[in-house]
């Protein structure tokens, strides 16, 4: 059973940085796609970044050059390093996993993923 647990969210001023973490259990498949999504109040959940079993990473245009997704397979952990944070980055951030496949062009759609964490709140003040 796949389980995901996010942590590391918090409050930061604009221009600051945070690193959020997702501890992954149950993903023992050779092919997988992992991603970070975010959802602000009143808005749809949007894909932020993805990484897959081939090591390929993808980013939403809104975070390119500021956010970095990475994984530590030895620790079963997914990270999202967020730099130069903006107030519009304020949202609940979720970790997501899809097994049996590497990431496709649909990675930024919530329906693509079958496993989700509970989320961690990131708040950026101006």
N, C-alpha and C. Protein backbone atom coordinates (compact mmCIF):
# COMPACT_ATOMS: atom_id res chain seq x y z
N UNK A 1 0.84 -1.18 0.00
CA UNK A 1 0.00 0.00 0.00
C UNK A 1 0.88 1.24 0.00
N UNK A 2 0.60 2.15 -0.93
CA UNK A 2 1.38 3.38 -1.05
C UNK A 2 0.89 4.39 -0.02
N UNK A 3 1.82 4.93 0.74
CA UNK A 3 1.50 5.99 1.70
C UNK A 3 2.47 7.14 1.52
N UNK A 4 1.94 8.35 1.60
CA UNK A 4 2.72 9.56 1.40
C UNK A 4 2.48 10.49 2.58
N UNK A 5 3.55 11.08 3.10
CA UNK A 5 3.41 11.96 4.26
C UNK A 5 4.29 13.19 4.06
N UNK A 6 3.63 14.35 3.89
CA UNK A 6 4.35 15.61 3.68
C UNK A 6 4.68 16.28 5.00
N UNK A 7 5.74 17.09 4.96
CA UNK A 7 6.11 17.92 6.11
C UNK A 7 6.98 19.06 5.61
N UNK A 8 7.23 20.03 6.50
CA UNK A 8 8.15 21.10 6.18
C UNK A 8 7.53 22.41 5.76
N UNK A 9 6.21 22.44 5.66
CA UNK A 9 5.57 23.69 5.30
C UNK A 9 5.70 24.72 6.41
N UNK A 10 5.30 25.95 6.11
CA UNK A 10 5.36 27.00 7.11
C UNK A 10 5.11 28.35 6.50
N UNK A 11 5.43 29.38 7.26
CA UNK A 11 5.23 30.76 6.82
C UNK A 11 6.58 31.41 6.56
N UNK A 12 6.67 32.14 5.46
CA UNK A 12 7.92 32.79 5.07
C UNK A 12 7.59 34.09 4.36
N UNK A 13 8.51 35.02 4.40
CA UNK A 13 8.31 36.27 3.67
C UNK A 13 8.69 36.10 2.21
N UNK A 14 8.12 36.96 1.39
CA UNK A 14 8.44 36.94 -0.04
C UNK A 14 9.94 37.06 -0.24
N UNK A 15 10.44 36.27 -1.19
CA UNK A 15 11.87 36.23 -1.43
C UNK A 15 12.59 35.16 -0.65
N UNK A 16 11.92 34.58 0.31
CA UNK A 16 12.52 33.55 1.15
C UNK A 16 12.46 32.18 0.51
N UNK A 17 12.80 31.16 1.30
CA UNK A 17 12.85 29.81 0.78
C UNK A 17 12.32 28.82 1.82
N UNK A 18 11.90 27.67 1.31
CA UNK A 18 11.45 26.56 2.13
C UNK A 18 11.78 25.27 1.40
N UNK A 19 11.96 24.21 2.14
CA UNK A 19 12.05 22.88 1.56
C UNK A 19 11.00 22.00 2.20
N UNK A 20 10.13 21.45 1.38
CA UNK A 20 9.12 20.53 1.88
C UNK A 20 9.50 19.11 1.49
N UNK A 21 9.04 18.19 2.31
CA UNK A 21 9.47 16.80 2.22
C UNK A 21 8.28 15.87 2.16
N UNK A 22 8.42 14.80 1.43
CA UNK A 22 7.39 13.76 1.36
C UNK A 22 8.06 12.41 1.60
N UNK A 23 7.71 11.77 2.69
CA UNK A 23 8.22 10.43 2.96
C UNK A 23 7.28 9.42 2.30
N UNK A 24 7.86 8.55 1.51
CA UNK A 24 7.10 7.62 0.68
C UNK A 24 7.29 6.19 1.18
N UNK A 25 6.21 5.47 1.30
CA UNK A 25 6.30 4.05 1.63
C UNK A 25 5.40 3.26 0.69
N UNK A 26 5.81 2.04 0.41
CA UNK A 26 5.00 1.16 -0.42
C UNK A 26 5.24 1.27 -1.90
N UNK A 27 6.11 2.21 -2.34
CA UNK A 27 6.42 2.31 -3.77
C UNK A 27 7.64 1.48 -4.06
N UNK A 28 7.39 0.22 -4.38
CA UNK A 28 8.50 -0.70 -4.64
C UNK A 28 8.56 -1.08 -6.11
N UNK A 29 7.96 -0.29 -6.95
CA UNK A 29 7.87 -0.58 -8.36
C UNK A 29 9.04 0.03 -9.10
N UNK A 30 9.44 -0.60 -10.20
CA UNK A 30 10.60 -0.10 -10.93
C UNK A 30 10.25 1.15 -11.71
N UNK A 31 8.99 1.32 -12.03
CA UNK A 31 8.56 2.51 -12.77
C UNK A 31 7.52 3.27 -11.95
N UNK A 32 7.74 4.58 -11.83
CA UNK A 32 6.81 5.40 -11.05
C UNK A 32 6.95 6.84 -11.48
N UNK A 33 5.96 7.62 -11.11
CA UNK A 33 5.96 9.06 -11.32
C UNK A 33 5.56 9.70 -10.00
N UNK A 34 6.37 10.63 -9.53
CA UNK A 34 6.10 11.36 -8.29
C UNK A 34 5.96 12.83 -8.62
N UNK A 35 5.11 13.53 -7.89
CA UNK A 35 4.89 14.94 -8.20
C UNK A 35 4.49 15.72 -6.96
N UNK A 36 4.66 17.01 -7.08
CA UNK A 36 4.13 17.96 -6.11
C UNK A 36 3.03 18.76 -6.80
N UNK A 37 1.91 18.86 -6.11
CA UNK A 37 0.80 19.70 -6.53
C UNK A 37 0.56 20.75 -5.46
N UNK A 38 -0.20 21.78 -5.82
CA UNK A 38 -0.62 22.77 -4.83
C UNK A 38 -2.04 23.21 -5.13
N UNK A 39 -2.69 23.64 -4.07
CA UNK A 39 -4.06 24.11 -4.22
C UNK A 39 -4.29 25.28 -3.28
N UNK A 40 -4.62 26.41 -3.88
CA UNK A 40 -4.95 27.61 -3.11
C UNK A 40 -6.46 27.65 -2.92
N UNK A 41 -6.94 28.36 -1.89
CA UNK A 41 -8.39 28.43 -1.66
C UNK A 41 -9.13 28.94 -2.89
N UNK A 42 -10.17 28.21 -3.28
CA UNK A 42 -10.99 28.62 -4.41
C UNK A 42 -10.40 28.32 -5.77
N UNK A 43 -9.25 27.64 -5.79
CA UNK A 43 -8.61 27.33 -7.06
C UNK A 43 -8.46 25.82 -7.23
N UNK A 44 -8.25 25.43 -8.48
CA UNK A 44 -8.04 24.00 -8.76
C UNK A 44 -6.64 23.57 -8.34
N UNK A 45 -6.52 22.28 -8.08
CA UNK A 45 -5.21 21.74 -7.76
C UNK A 45 -4.35 21.75 -9.02
N UNK A 46 -3.14 22.25 -8.91
CA UNK A 46 -2.27 22.37 -10.07
C UNK A 46 -0.94 21.66 -9.84
N UNK A 47 -0.42 21.06 -10.91
CA UNK A 47 0.87 20.40 -10.84
C UNK A 47 1.99 21.42 -10.78
N UNK A 48 2.93 21.21 -9.88
CA UNK A 48 4.05 22.12 -9.68
C UNK A 48 5.33 21.53 -10.29
N UNK A 49 5.61 20.27 -9.97
CA UNK A 49 6.84 19.63 -10.46
C UNK A 49 6.67 18.12 -10.37
N UNK A 50 7.40 17.42 -11.24
CA UNK A 50 7.36 15.95 -11.22
C UNK A 50 8.75 15.39 -11.45
N UNK A 51 8.91 14.14 -10.99
CA UNK A 51 10.14 13.40 -11.21
C UNK A 51 9.75 11.94 -11.33
N UNK A 52 10.45 11.20 -12.18
CA UNK A 52 10.04 9.82 -12.35
C UNK A 52 11.22 8.85 -12.20
N UNK A 53 10.94 7.58 -12.41
CA UNK A 53 11.93 6.53 -12.23
C UNK A 53 13.08 6.64 -13.22
N UNK A 54 12.89 7.39 -14.30
CA UNK A 54 13.97 7.65 -15.27
C UNK A 54 14.81 8.86 -14.87
N UNK A 55 14.41 9.52 -13.78
CA UNK A 55 15.13 10.70 -13.31
C UNK A 55 14.75 11.99 -14.02
N UNK A 56 13.74 11.90 -14.88
CA UNK A 56 13.34 13.10 -15.62
C UNK A 56 12.50 14.01 -14.74
N UNK A 57 12.77 15.29 -14.80
CA UNK A 57 12.02 16.28 -14.03
C UNK A 57 11.28 17.23 -14.96
N UNK A 58 10.14 17.69 -14.50
CA UNK A 58 9.35 18.67 -15.24
C UNK A 58 8.79 19.68 -14.25
N UNK A 59 8.56 20.90 -14.74
CA UNK A 59 8.09 21.97 -13.87
C UNK A 59 6.99 22.77 -14.54
N UNK A 60 6.11 23.30 -13.73
CA UNK A 60 5.15 24.28 -14.22
C UNK A 60 5.91 25.55 -14.56
N UNK A 61 5.44 26.26 -15.56
CA UNK A 61 6.11 27.49 -15.99
C UNK A 61 6.22 28.49 -14.84
N UNK A 62 5.24 28.50 -13.96
CA UNK A 62 5.20 29.50 -12.88
C UNK A 62 6.31 29.29 -11.83
N UNK A 63 6.94 28.11 -11.83
CA UNK A 63 7.96 27.85 -10.80
C UNK A 63 9.34 27.54 -11.39
N UNK A 64 9.43 27.47 -12.71
CA UNK A 64 10.72 27.16 -13.34
C UNK A 64 11.78 28.16 -12.92
N UNK A 65 12.95 27.63 -12.57
CA UNK A 65 14.05 28.48 -12.14
C UNK A 65 14.01 28.83 -10.67
N UNK A 66 12.89 28.54 -9.99
CA UNK A 66 12.77 28.86 -8.56
C UNK A 66 12.63 27.60 -7.70
N UNK A 67 11.95 26.59 -8.23
CA UNK A 67 11.70 25.36 -7.48
C UNK A 67 12.53 24.22 -8.06
N UNK A 68 12.93 23.31 -7.19
CA UNK A 68 13.67 22.12 -7.63
C UNK A 68 13.10 20.89 -6.95
N UNK A 69 12.71 19.91 -7.74
CA UNK A 69 12.23 18.64 -7.20
C UNK A 69 13.38 17.65 -7.23
N UNK A 70 13.46 16.84 -6.18
CA UNK A 70 14.52 15.82 -6.11
C UNK A 70 14.03 14.65 -5.28
N UNK A 71 14.76 13.57 -5.36
CA UNK A 71 14.38 12.38 -4.60
C UNK A 71 15.62 11.72 -4.03
N UNK A 72 15.44 11.13 -2.87
CA UNK A 72 16.49 10.35 -2.24
C UNK A 72 15.92 8.94 -2.09
N UNK A 73 16.28 8.08 -3.02
CA UNK A 73 15.69 6.75 -3.03
C UNK A 73 16.11 5.93 -1.81
N UNK A 74 17.32 6.19 -1.30
CA UNK A 74 17.78 5.45 -0.13
C UNK A 74 16.93 5.77 1.09
N UNK A 75 16.39 6.99 1.13
CA UNK A 75 15.58 7.41 2.27
C UNK A 75 14.10 7.43 1.95
N UNK A 76 13.76 6.99 0.70
CA UNK A 76 12.36 6.99 0.28
C UNK A 76 11.71 8.35 0.50
N UNK A 77 12.40 9.37 0.06
CA UNK A 77 11.95 10.74 0.34
C UNK A 77 11.96 11.57 -0.93
N UNK A 78 10.92 12.36 -1.08
CA UNK A 78 10.79 13.32 -2.17
C UNK A 78 10.89 14.71 -1.58
N UNK A 79 11.58 15.60 -2.28
CA UNK A 79 11.77 16.97 -1.79
C UNK A 79 11.27 17.98 -2.82
N UNK A 80 10.92 19.14 -2.32
CA UNK A 80 10.68 20.30 -3.18
C UNK A 80 11.37 21.49 -2.52
N UNK A 81 12.46 21.92 -3.14
CA UNK A 81 13.17 23.12 -2.68
C UNK A 81 12.54 24.32 -3.37
N UNK A 82 12.07 25.26 -2.57
CA UNK A 82 11.36 26.42 -3.12
C UNK A 82 12.13 27.68 -2.75
N UNK A 83 12.66 28.35 -3.75
CA UNK A 83 13.42 29.59 -3.55
C UNK A 83 12.66 30.77 -4.15
N UNK A 84 13.08 31.96 -3.77
CA UNK A 84 12.47 33.19 -4.30
C UNK A 84 10.94 33.11 -4.24
N UNK A 85 10.44 32.74 -3.09
CA UNK A 85 9.01 32.53 -2.94
C UNK A 85 8.23 33.83 -3.12
N UNK A 86 7.03 33.69 -3.68
CA UNK A 86 6.16 34.81 -3.94
C UNK A 86 4.83 34.60 -3.20
N UNK A 87 4.10 35.65 -2.92
CA UNK A 87 2.79 35.47 -2.25
C UNK A 87 1.86 34.53 -3.03
N UNK A 88 1.97 34.54 -4.35
CA UNK A 88 1.12 33.67 -5.15
C UNK A 88 1.49 32.19 -5.04
N UNK A 89 2.60 31.89 -4.37
CA UNK A 89 2.95 30.48 -4.11
C UNK A 89 2.21 29.94 -2.89
N UNK A 90 1.49 30.80 -2.19
CA UNK A 90 0.75 30.37 -1.01
C UNK A 90 -0.32 29.35 -1.39
N UNK A 91 -0.26 28.19 -0.75
CA UNK A 91 -1.18 27.10 -1.06
C UNK A 91 -0.91 25.92 -0.14
N UNK A 92 -1.82 24.95 -0.19
CA UNK A 92 -1.55 23.65 0.41
C UNK A 92 -0.79 22.84 -0.63
N UNK A 93 0.32 22.26 -0.25
CA UNK A 93 1.14 21.49 -1.17
C UNK A 93 0.97 20.00 -0.88
N UNK A 94 0.74 19.25 -1.95
CA UNK A 94 0.49 17.81 -1.85
C UNK A 94 1.53 17.02 -2.62
N UNK A 95 1.88 15.89 -2.07
CA UNK A 95 2.72 14.91 -2.73
C UNK A 95 1.81 13.89 -3.40
N UNK A 96 2.17 13.45 -4.62
CA UNK A 96 1.35 12.50 -5.35
C UNK A 96 2.23 11.43 -6.00
N UNK A 97 1.66 10.24 -6.17
CA UNK A 97 2.41 9.13 -6.77
C UNK A 97 1.55 8.35 -7.74
N UNK A 98 2.19 7.94 -8.82
CA UNK A 98 1.58 7.02 -9.79
C UNK A 98 2.59 5.89 -10.00
N UNK A 99 2.12 4.67 -9.87
CA UNK A 99 3.02 3.53 -10.01
C UNK A 99 2.79 2.84 -11.35
N UNK A 100 3.74 2.03 -11.73
CA UNK A 100 3.76 1.25 -12.98
C UNK A 100 4.12 2.09 -14.21
N UNK A 101 4.13 3.41 -14.10
CA UNK A 101 4.45 4.28 -15.23
C UNK A 101 5.45 5.33 -14.83
N UNK A 102 6.30 5.74 -15.80
CA UNK A 102 7.04 6.97 -15.60
C UNK A 102 6.10 8.12 -15.97
N UNK A 103 6.54 9.36 -15.76
CA UNK A 103 5.66 10.50 -16.00
C UNK A 103 5.43 10.71 -17.49
N UNK A 104 4.19 11.02 -17.82
CA UNK A 104 3.85 11.38 -19.19
C UNK A 104 3.55 12.88 -19.25
N UNK A 105 3.09 13.32 -20.42
CA UNK A 105 2.73 14.73 -20.58
C UNK A 105 1.51 15.10 -19.74
N UNK A 106 0.86 14.11 -19.14
CA UNK A 106 -0.31 14.38 -18.31
C UNK A 106 0.05 14.56 -16.84
N UNK A 107 1.33 14.66 -16.54
CA UNK A 107 1.77 14.68 -15.14
C UNK A 107 1.17 15.81 -14.34
N UNK A 108 0.78 16.88 -14.99
CA UNK A 108 0.32 18.05 -14.26
C UNK A 108 -1.19 18.05 -14.02
N UNK A 109 -1.83 16.92 -14.28
CA UNK A 109 -3.26 16.78 -14.00
C UNK A 109 -3.46 15.89 -12.78
N UNK A 110 -4.30 16.31 -11.88
CA UNK A 110 -4.51 15.56 -10.64
C UNK A 110 -5.03 14.16 -10.90
N UNK A 111 -5.85 13.99 -11.95
CA UNK A 111 -6.44 12.67 -12.23
C UNK A 111 -5.39 11.63 -12.58
N UNK A 112 -4.18 12.08 -12.95
CA UNK A 112 -3.13 11.16 -13.38
C UNK A 112 -2.57 10.34 -12.22
N UNK A 113 -2.81 10.81 -11.01
CA UNK A 113 -2.21 10.19 -9.84
C UNK A 113 -3.25 9.48 -8.98
N UNK A 114 -2.86 8.30 -8.47
CA UNK A 114 -3.80 7.53 -7.67
C UNK A 114 -3.53 7.57 -6.18
N UNK A 115 -2.41 8.20 -5.80
CA UNK A 115 -2.04 8.20 -4.39
C UNK A 115 -1.65 9.62 -3.98
N UNK A 116 -2.16 10.03 -2.82
CA UNK A 116 -1.95 11.40 -2.36
C UNK A 116 -1.63 11.44 -0.88
N UNK A 117 -0.83 12.45 -0.50
CA UNK A 117 -0.62 12.73 0.90
C UNK A 117 -1.68 13.67 1.42
N UNK A 118 -1.55 14.06 2.68
CA UNK A 118 -2.53 14.92 3.32
C UNK A 118 -2.25 16.40 3.10
N UNK A 119 -1.05 16.74 2.68
CA UNK A 119 -0.72 18.11 2.37
C UNK A 119 0.03 18.83 3.49
N UNK A 120 0.76 19.87 3.10
CA UNK A 120 1.45 20.74 4.04
C UNK A 120 1.27 22.17 3.56
N UNK A 121 0.93 23.06 4.48
CA UNK A 121 0.60 24.45 4.13
C UNK A 121 1.86 25.29 3.97
N UNK A 122 1.89 26.04 2.88
CA UNK A 122 2.96 27.02 2.65
C UNK A 122 2.30 28.38 2.51
N UNK A 123 2.75 29.33 3.32
CA UNK A 123 2.20 30.68 3.30
C UNK A 123 3.33 31.68 3.09
N UNK A 124 3.19 32.50 2.05
CA UNK A 124 4.21 33.50 1.72
C UNK A 124 3.59 34.88 1.88
N UNK A 125 4.16 35.68 2.75
CA UNK A 125 3.63 37.01 3.00
C UNK A 125 4.47 38.05 2.26
N UNK A 126 3.79 39.12 1.87
CA UNK A 126 4.48 40.18 1.11
C UNK A 126 5.13 41.19 2.04
